[in-house]
Amino acid sequence: MNNIAKERIALGLTQEQLATIFGWRQSRISNYENGTRQPGLPECRLIVETLNKLGRDCTLDS
């Protein structure tokens, strides 16, 4: 499990719920979480910003 999954689970969200927040498909979140696909820097920034807005304390380093 990677940090996206840990943060998502800490928020009590499913992959589908998190994907909906981003306007992405659930499979994209799954691919990021299982390492099949790596998010680019813009996506990383969006993920961190969104997780912080949802109540987590994330940085690009985490």
Protein backbone atom coordinates (compact mmCIF):
# COMPACT_ATOMS: atom_id res chain seq x y z
CA MET A 1 0.00 0.00 0.00
CA ASN A 2 1.34 3.45 -0.83
CA ASN A 3 0.77 6.86 0.71
CA ILE A 4 -2.25 7.66 -1.46
CA ALA A 5 -3.99 4.56 -0.16
CA LYS A 6 -2.99 5.29 3.44
CA GLU A 7 -4.33 8.83 3.25
CA ARG A 8 -7.51 7.73 1.47
CA ILE A 9 -8.19 5.05 4.07
CA ALA A 10 -7.48 7.51 6.91
CA LEU A 11 -10.19 9.72 5.43
CA GLY A 12 -12.58 6.77 5.26
CA LEU A 13 -12.95 7.03 1.50
CA THR A 14 -13.20 4.31 -1.11
CA GLN A 15 -11.22 4.48 -4.32
CA GLU A 16 -14.47 5.29 -6.13
CA GLN A 17 -15.25 8.18 -3.78
CA LEU A 18 -11.77 9.66 -4.12
CA ALA A 19 -11.86 9.25 -7.90
CA THR A 20 -15.19 11.08 -8.02
CA ILE A 21 -13.70 14.00 -6.09
CA PHE A 22 -10.98 14.30 -8.75
CA GLY A 23 -13.27 13.60 -11.68
CA TRP A 24 -11.24 10.49 -12.50
CA ARG A 25 -12.14 6.85 -12.96
CA GLN A 26 -11.68 4.48 -10.02
CA SER A 27 -9.15 2.49 -12.02
CA ARG A 28 -6.81 5.48 -12.12
CA ILE A 29 -6.72 5.64 -8.31
CA SER A 30 -6.22 1.87 -8.20
CA ASN A 31 -3.33 2.10 -10.66
CA TYR A 32 -1.67 4.86 -8.61
CA GLU A 33 -2.12 2.90 -5.41
CA ASN A 34 -0.76 -0.39 -6.73
CA GLY A 35 2.13 1.21 -8.60
CA THR A 36 0.95 0.28 -12.09
CA ARG A 37 0.88 3.97 -12.98
CA GLN A 38 2.78 6.90 -11.47
CA PRO A 39 1.11 10.31 -11.20
CA GLY A 40 2.97 13.21 -12.77
CA LEU A 41 3.92 16.32 -10.80
CA PRO A 42 0.66 18.18 -11.63
CA GLU A 43 -1.38 15.19 -10.46
CA CYS A 44 0.75 14.88 -7.31
CA ARG A 45 0.14 18.52 -6.50
CA LEU A 46 -3.60 18.09 -7.06
CA ILE A 47 -3.70 14.97 -4.88
CA VAL A 48 -1.81 16.67 -2.03
CA GLU A 49 -3.93 19.83 -2.24
CA THR A 50 -7.16 17.84 -2.26
CA LEU A 51 -6.16 15.55 0.59
CA ASN A 52 -5.23 18.61 2.66
CA LYS A 53 -8.61 20.22 1.93
CA LEU A 54 -10.23 17.00 3.13
CA GLY A 55 -8.44 17.24 6.46
CA ARG A 56 -5.13 15.42 6.03
CA ASP A 57 -1.69 17.02 6.50
CA CYS A 58 0.24 16.05 3.36
CA THR A 59 3.20 17.41 1.43
CA LEU A 60 4.74 16.37 -1.87
CA ASP A 61 7.48 14.68 0.15
CA SER A 62 4.99 12.51 1.99
